[in-house]
PDB file of N, CA and C in Angstrom:
ATOM      1  N   UNK A   1       3.032  33.266 -23.122  1.00  0.00           N
ATOM      2  CA  UNK A   1       3.525  34.060 -22.166  1.00  0.00           C
ATOM      3  C   UNK A   1       4.688  33.415 -21.362  1.00  0.00           C
ATOM      4  N   UNK A   2       5.389  34.369 -20.759  1.00  0.00           N
ATOM      5  CA  UNK A   2       6.620  33.835 -19.852  1.00  0.00           C
ATOM      6  C   UNK A   2       6.005  33.683 -18.479  1.00  0.00           C
ATOM      7  N   UNK A   3       6.421  32.618 -17.888  1.00  0.00           N
ATOM      8  CA  UNK A   3       6.171  32.220 -16.490  1.00  0.00           C
ATOM      9  C   UNK A   3       7.217  32.407 -15.621  1.00  0.00           C
ATOM     10  N   UNK A   4       7.151  33.032 -14.480  1.00  0.00           N
ATOM     11  CA  UNK A   4       8.305  33.223 -13.545  1.00  0.00           C
ATOM     12  C   UNK A   4       8.944  31.936 -13.267  1.00  0.00           C
ATOM     13  N   UNK A   5       8.221  30.855 -13.304  1.00  0.00           N
ATOM     14  CA  UNK A   5       8.828  29.579 -12.990  1.00  0.00           C
ATOM     15  C   UNK A   5       9.951  29.140 -14.012  1.00  0.00           C
ATOM     16  N   UNK A   6       9.817  29.770 -15.174  1.00  0.00           N
ATOM     17  CA  UNK A   6      10.909  29.293 -16.059  1.00  0.00           C
ATOM     18  C   UNK A   6      12.289  29.943 -15.666  1.00  0.00           C
ATOM     19  N   UNK A   7      12.301  30.708 -14.782  1.00  0.00           N
ATOM     20  CA  UNK A   7      13.501  31.379 -14.326  1.00  0.00           C
ATOM     21  C   UNK A   7      14.073  30.846 -12.853  1.00  0.00           C
ATOM     22  N   UNK A   8      13.409  29.974 -12.269  1.00  0.00           N
ATOM     23  CA  UNK A   8      13.776  29.283 -11.125  1.00  0.00           C
ATOM     24  C   UNK A   8      14.924  28.291 -11.447  1.00  0.00           C
ATOM     25  N   UNK A   9      15.832  28.406 -10.545  1.00  0.00           N
ATOM     26  CA  UNK A   9      16.868  27.566 -10.567  1.00  0.00           C
ATOM     27  C   UNK A   9      16.442  26.136 -10.101  1.00  0.00           C
ATOM     28  N   UNK A  10      16.736  25.208 -11.093  1.00  0.00           N
ATOM     29  CA  UNK A  10      16.292  23.739 -10.672  1.00  0.00           C
ATOM     30  C   UNK A  10      16.932  23.131  -9.617  1.00  0.00           C
ATOM     31  N   UNK A  11      18.031  23.778  -9.250  1.00  0.00           N
ATOM     32  CA  UNK A  11      18.783  23.245  -8.002  1.00  0.00           C
ATOM     33  C   UNK A  11      18.504  23.909  -6.728  1.00  0.00           C
ATOM     34  N   UNK A  12      17.379  24.856  -6.771  1.00  0.00           N
ATOM     35  CA  UNK A  12      17.149  25.646  -5.669  1.00  0.00           C
ATOM     36  C   UNK A  12      16.515  24.802  -4.555  1.00  0.00           C
ATOM     37  N   UNK A  13      16.019  23.635  -4.644  1.00  0.00           N
ATOM     38  CA  UNK A  13      15.614  22.706  -3.649  1.00  0.00           C
ATOM     39  C   UNK A  13      16.412  21.385  -3.670  1.00  0.00           C
ATOM     40  N   UNK A  14      17.198  21.429  -2.662  1.00  0.00           N
ATOM     41  CA  UNK A  14      18.209  20.310  -2.676  1.00  0.00           C
ATOM     42  C   UNK A  14      18.055  19.765  -1.280  1.00  0.00           C
ATOM     43  N   UNK A  15      17.671  18.500  -1.029  1.00  0.00           N
ATOM     44  CA  UNK A  15      17.452  17.770   0.206  1.00  0.00           C
ATOM     45  C   UNK A  15      18.808  17.005   0.514  1.00  0.00           C
ATOM     46  N   UNK A  16      19.410  17.554   1.576  1.00  0.00           N
ATOM     47  CA  UNK A  16      20.650  16.748   2.059  1.00  0.00           C
ATOM     48  C   UNK A  16      20.441  16.135   3.405  1.00  0.00           C
ATOM     49  N   UNK A  17      20.697  15.065   3.496  1.00  0.00           N
ATOM     50  CA  UNK A  17      20.695  14.371   4.908  1.00  0.00           C
ATOM     51  C   UNK A  17      21.960  14.063   5.464  1.00  0.00           C
ATOM     52  N   UNK A  18      22.145  14.318   6.713  1.00  0.00           N
ATOM     53  CA  UNK A  18      23.245  14.131   7.493  1.00  0.00           C
ATOM     54  C   UNK A  18      23.051  14.193   8.943  1.00  0.00           C
ATOM     55  N   UNK A  19      24.267  14.547   9.565  1.00  0.00           N
ATOM     56  CA  UNK A  19      24.255  14.500  11.201  1.00  0.00           C
ATOM     57  C   UNK A  19      24.423  15.905  11.615  1.00  0.00           C
ATOM     58  N   UNK A  20      24.017  16.292  12.842  1.00  0.00           N
ATOM     59  CA  UNK A  20      24.270  17.561  13.494  1.00  0.00           C
ATOM     60  C   UNK A  20      24.498  17.308  14.884  1.00  0.00           C
ATOM     61  N   UNK A  21      25.097  18.394  15.589  1.00  0.00           N
ATOM     62  CA  UNK A  21      25.328  18.268  17.069  1.00  0.00           C
ATOM     63  C   UNK A  21      23.946  18.222  17.746  1.00  0.00           C
ATOM     64  N   UNK A  22      23.880  17.434  18.786  1.00  0.00           N
ATOM     65  CA  UNK A  22      22.518  17.402  19.446  1.00  0.00           C
ATOM     66  C   UNK A  22      21.811  18.542  19.896  1.00  0.00           C
ATOM     67  N   UNK A  23      22.629  19.767  20.328  1.00  0.00           N
ATOM     68  CA  UNK A  23      21.907  20.821  20.663  1.00  0.00           C
ATOM     69  C   UNK A  23      21.161  21.597  19.492  1.00  0.00           C
ATOM     70  N   UNK A  24      21.569  21.323  18.282  1.00  0.00           N
ATOM     71  CA  UNK A  24      20.869  21.866  17.293  1.00  0.00           C
ATOM     72  C   UNK A  24      19.355  21.528  17.187  1.00  0.00           C
ATOM     73  N   UNK A  25      19.003  20.381  17.767  1.00  0.00           N
ATOM     74  CA  UNK A  25      17.636  19.967  17.863  1.00  0.00           C
ATOM     75  C   UNK A  25      16.608  20.858  18.554  1.00  0.00           C
ATOM     76  N   UNK A  26      17.253  21.603  19.445  1.00  0.00           N
ATOM     77  CA  UNK A  26      16.431  22.495  20.117  1.00  0.00           C
ATOM     78  C   UNK A  26      16.430  24.064  19.570  1.00  0.00           C
ATOM     79  N   UNK A  27      16.913  24.153  18.341  1.00  0.00           N
ATOM     80  CA  UNK A  27      17.078  25.508  17.806  1.00  0.00           C
ATOM     81  C   UNK A  27      15.654  26.071  17.423  1.00  0.00           C
ATOM     82  N   UNK A  28      15.533  27.417  17.583  1.00  0.00           N
ATOM     83  CA  UNK A  28      14.382  28.118  17.285  1.00  0.00           C
ATOM     84  C   UNK A  28      14.334  28.493  15.813  1.00  0.00           C
ATOM     85  N   UNK A  29      13.093  28.701  15.335  1.00  0.00           N
ATOM     86  CA  UNK A  29      13.178  29.087  13.781  1.00  0.00           C
ATOM     87  C   UNK A  29      13.714  30.385  13.772  1.00  0.00           C
ATOM     88  N   UNK A  30      14.486  30.576  12.625  1.00  0.00           N
ATOM     89  CA  UNK A  30      15.143  31.665  12.380  1.00  0.00           C
ATOM     90  C   UNK A  30      16.558  31.843  12.862  1.00  0.00           C
ATOM     91  N   UNK A  31      16.996  30.837  13.793  1.00  0.00           N
ATOM     92  CA  UNK A  31      18.479  30.757  14.324  1.00  0.00           C
ATOM     93  C   UNK A  31      19.257  30.458  13.115  1.00  0.00           C
ATOM     94  N   UNK A  32      20.532  31.214  13.386  1.00  0.00           N
ATOM     95  CA  UNK A  32      21.477  30.922  12.201  1.00  0.00           C
ATOM     96  C   UNK A  32      22.673  30.061  12.596  1.00  0.00           C
ATOM     97  N   UNK A  33      23.180  29.262  11.747  1.00  0.00           N
ATOM     98  CA  UNK A  33      24.444  28.455  11.793  1.00  0.00           C
ATOM     99  C   UNK A  33      25.162  28.537  10.452  1.00  0.00           C
ATOM    100  N   UNK A  34      26.544  28.202  10.773  1.00  0.00           N
ATOM    101  CA  UNK A  34      27.404  28.053   9.487  1.00  0.00           C
ATOM    102  C   UNK A  34      27.782  26.630   9.656  1.00  0.00           C
ATOM    103  N   UNK A  35      27.491  25.956   8.477  1.00  0.00           N
ATOM    104  CA  UNK A  35      27.885  24.548   8.347  1.00  0.00           C
ATOM    105  C   UNK A  35      29.118  24.493   7.488  1.00  0.00           C
ATOM    106  N   UNK A  36      30.114  23.898   8.179  1.00  0.00           N
ATOM    107  CA  UNK A  36      31.550  23.979   7.475  1.00  0.00           C
ATOM    108  C   UNK A  36      31.478  23.614   6.144  1.00  0.00           C
ATOM    109  N   UNK A  37      32.079  24.389   5.279  1.00  0.00           N
ATOM    110  CA  UNK A  37      32.247  23.955   3.866  1.00  0.00           C
ATOM    111  C   UNK A  37      31.125  24.120   3.029  1.00  0.00           C
ATOM    112  N   UNK A  38      29.897  24.420   3.515  1.00  0.00           N
ATOM    113  CA  UNK A  38      28.598  24.434   2.899  1.00  0.00           C
ATOM    114  C   UNK A  38      28.034  25.944   2.751  1.00  0.00           C
ATOM    115  N   UNK A  39      28.087  26.877   3.977  1.00  0.00           N
ATOM    116  CA  UNK A  39      27.481  27.992   3.858  1.00  0.00           C
ATOM    117  C   UNK A  39      26.776  28.270   5.289  1.00  0.00           C
ATOM    118  N   UNK A  40      25.972  29.306   5.127  1.00  0.00           N
ATOM    119  CA  UNK A  40      25.235  29.753   6.340  1.00  0.00           C
ATOM    120  C   UNK A  40      23.795  29.393   6.087  1.00  0.00           C
ATOM    121  N   UNK A  41      23.070  29.012   7.156  1.00  0.00           N
ATOM    122  CA  UNK A  41      21.772  28.437   7.106  1.00  0.00           C
ATOM    123  C   UNK A  41      20.951  28.942   8.221  1.00  0.00           C
ATOM    124  N   UNK A  42      19.652  28.993   8.090  1.00  0.00           N
ATOM    125  CA  UNK A  42      18.794  29.405   9.203  1.00  0.00           C
ATOM    126  C   UNK A  42      17.790  28.388   9.359  1.00  0.00           C
ATOM    127  N   UNK A  43      17.324  28.147  10.618  1.00  0.00           N
ATOM    128  CA  UNK A  43      16.310  27.075  10.902  1.00  0.00           C
ATOM    129  C   UNK A  43      14.992  27.404  10.372  1.00  0.00           C
ATOM    130  N   UNK A  44      14.158  26.544   9.569  1.00  0.00           N
ATOM    131  CA  UNK A  44      13.060  26.729   8.919  1.00  0.00           C
ATOM    132  C   UNK A  44      11.903  26.718  10.029  1.00  0.00           C
ATOM    133  N   UNK A  45      10.873  27.507   9.604  1.00  0.00           N
ATOM    134  CA  UNK A  45       9.709  27.712  10.650  1.00  0.00           C
ATOM    135  C   UNK A  45       9.007  26.289  10.786  1.00  0.00           C
ATOM    136  N   UNK A  46       9.110  25.398   9.790  1.00  0.00           N
ATOM    137  CA  UNK A  46       8.532  24.061   9.895  1.00  0.00           C
ATOM    138  C   UNK A  46       9.352  22.963  10.441  1.00  0.00           C
ATOM    139  N   UNK A  47      10.635  23.301  11.031  1.00  0.00           N
ATOM    140  CA  UNK A  47      11.613  22.530  11.544  1.00  0.00           C
ATOM    141  C   UNK A  47      10.997  21.994  12.959  1.00  0.00           C
ATOM    142  N   UNK A  48      11.384  20.869  13.279  1.00  0.00           N
ATOM    143  CA  UNK A  48      11.059  20.248  14.606  1.00  0.00           C
ATOM    144  C   UNK A  48      12.069  19.255  15.143  1.00  0.00           C
ATOM    145  N   UNK A  49      12.309  19.059  16.375  1.00  0.00           N
ATOM    146  CA  UNK A  49      13.439  18.220  16.850  1.00  0.00           C
ATOM    147  C   UNK A  49      13.550  16.907  16.184  1.00  0.00           C
ATOM    148  N   UNK A  50      12.403  16.357  15.726  1.00  0.00           N
ATOM    149  CA  UNK A  50      12.383  15.000  14.971  1.00  0.00           C
ATOM    150  C   UNK A  50      12.765  15.298  13.477  1.00  0.00           C
ATOM    151  N   UNK A  51      12.540  16.352  12.897  1.00  0.00           N
ATOM    152  CA  UNK A  51      12.755  16.699  11.538  1.00  0.00           C
ATOM    153  C   UNK A  51      13.395  18.108  11.398  1.00  0.00           C
ATOM    154  N   UNK A  52      14.668  18.146  11.433  1.00  0.00           N
ATOM    155  CA  UNK A  52      15.433  19.532  11.297  1.00  0.00           C
ATOM    156  C   UNK A  52      15.250  19.854   9.800  1.00  0.00           C
ATOM    157  N   UNK A  53      14.980  21.163   9.593  1.00  0.00           N
ATOM    158  CA  UNK A  53      14.888  21.813   8.300  1.00  0.00           C
ATOM    159  C   UNK A  53      15.656  23.014   8.476  1.00  0.00           C
ATOM    160  N   UNK A  54      16.718  23.301   7.589  1.00  0.00           N
ATOM    161  CA  UNK A  54      17.464  24.434   7.403  1.00  0.00           C
ATOM    162  C   UNK A  54      17.528  24.823   6.049  1.00  0.00           C
ATOM    163  N   UNK A  55      17.438  26.193   5.830  1.00  0.00           N
ATOM    164  CA  UNK A  55      17.442  26.897   4.597  1.00  0.00           C
ATOM    165  C   UNK A  55      18.878  27.684   4.363  1.00  0.00           C
ATOM    166  N   UNK A  56      19.474  27.455   3.340  1.00  0.00           N
ATOM    167  CA  UNK A  56      20.794  28.033   3.063  1.00  0.00           C
ATOM    168  C   UNK A  56      20.496  29.514   2.739  1.00  0.00           C
ATOM    169  N   UNK A  57      21.186  30.405   3.511  1.00  0.00           N
ATOM    170  CA  UNK A  57      21.015  31.792   3.170  1.00  0.00           C
ATOM    171  C   UNK A  57      22.188  32.380   2.371  1.00  0.00           C
ATOM    172  N   UNK A  58      23.440  31.739   2.631  1.00  0.00           N
ATOM    173  CA  UNK A  58      24.601  32.341   1.832  1.00  0.00           C
ATOM    174  C   UNK A  58      25.453  31.096   1.513  1.00  0.00           C
ATOM    175  N   UNK A  59      25.839  30.971   0.333  1.00  0.00           N
ATOM    176  CA  UNK A  59      26.796  29.848  -0.119  1.00  0.00           C
ATOM    177  C   UNK A  59      28.317  30.349   0.327  1.00  0.00           C
ATOM    178  N   UNK A  60      29.129  29.343   0.446  1.00  0.00           N
ATOM    179  CA  UNK A  60      30.617  29.638   0.623  1.00  0.00           C
ATOM    180  C   UNK A  60      31.220  29.595  -0.677  1.00  0.00           C
ATOM    181  N   UNK A  61      30.750  29.183  -1.674  1.00  0.00           N
ATOM    182  CA  UNK A  61      31.285  29.187  -2.966  1.00  0.00           C
ATOM    183  C   UNK A  61      31.264  30.604  -3.557  1.00  0.00           C
ATOM    184  N   UNK A  62      32.400  31.034  -4.028  1.00  0.00           N
ATOM    185  CA  UNK A  62      32.501  32.352  -4.573  1.00  0.00           C
ATOM    186  C   UNK A  62      32.668  32.321  -6.104  1.00  0.00           C
ATOM    187  N   UNK A  63      31.516  32.333  -6.690  1.00  0.00           N
ATOM    188  CA  UNK A  63      31.507  32.299  -8.177  1.00  0.00           C
ATOM    189  C   UNK A  63      32.032  33.547  -8.880  1.00  0.00           C
ATOM    190  N   UNK A  64      31.685  34.752  -8.228  1.00  0.00           N
ATOM    191  CA  UNK A  64      32.198  36.042  -8.674  1.00  0.00           C
ATOM    192  C   UNK A  64      33.614  36.158  -8.654  1.00  0.00           C
ATOM    193  N   UNK A  65      34.313  35.685  -7.595  1.00  0.00           N
ATOM    194  CA  UNK A  65      35.890  35.595  -7.368  1.00  0.00           C
ATOM    195  C   UNK A  65      36.469  34.830  -8.561  1.00  0.00           C
ATOM    196  N   UNK A  66      35.847  33.580  -8.951  1.00  0.00           N
ATOM    197  CA  UNK A  66      36.421  32.776  -9.929  1.00  0.00           C
ATOM    198  C   UNK A  66      36.355  33.549 -11.425  1.00  0.00           C
ATOM    199  N   UNK A  67      35.144  34.234 -11.532  1.00  0.00           N
ATOM    200  CA  UNK A  67      34.956  34.964 -12.765  1.00  0.00           C
ATOM    201  C   UNK A  67      35.853  36.126 -12.966  1.00  0.00           C
ATOM    202  N   UNK A  68      36.286  36.629 -11.738  1.00  0.00           N
ATOM    203  CA  UNK A  68      37.188  37.679 -11.912  1.00  0.00           C
ATOM    204  C   UNK A  68      38.591  37.221 -12.334  1.00  0.00           C
ATOM    205  N   UNK A  69      39.057  35.999 -11.853  1.00  0.00           N
ATOM    206  CA  UNK A  69      40.373  35.373 -12.184  1.00  0.00           C
ATOM    207  C   UNK A  69      40.508  35.104 -13.696  1.00  0.00           C
ATOM    208  N   UNK A  70      39.277  34.823 -14.327  1.00  0.00           N
ATOM    209  CA  UNK A  70      39.433  34.443 -15.891  1.00  0.00           C
ATOM    210  C   UNK A  70      39.548  35.670 -16.689  1.00  0.00           C
ATOM    211  N   UNK A  71      39.718  36.853 -16.138  1.00  0.00           N
ATOM    212  CA  UNK A  71      39.973  38.036 -17.106  1.00  0.00           C
ATOM    213  C   UNK A  71      41.420  38.141 -17.354  1.00  0.00           C
TER     214      UNK A  71
END
């Protein structure tokens, strides 16, 4: 039988470490930010000031636009 996990993007969990502005450490879960050149992210419910966790909600890469140019 087919398992739904066969269709999950293997790149869907990507851990990126970097730096942010200090005020981001006090963000509430669900608060939204745009990270330049990466996309839009929201603060994860498991995030803390010591370990910030963001989930990307929208990427800035437009694969549909590139596909349209190839026609």
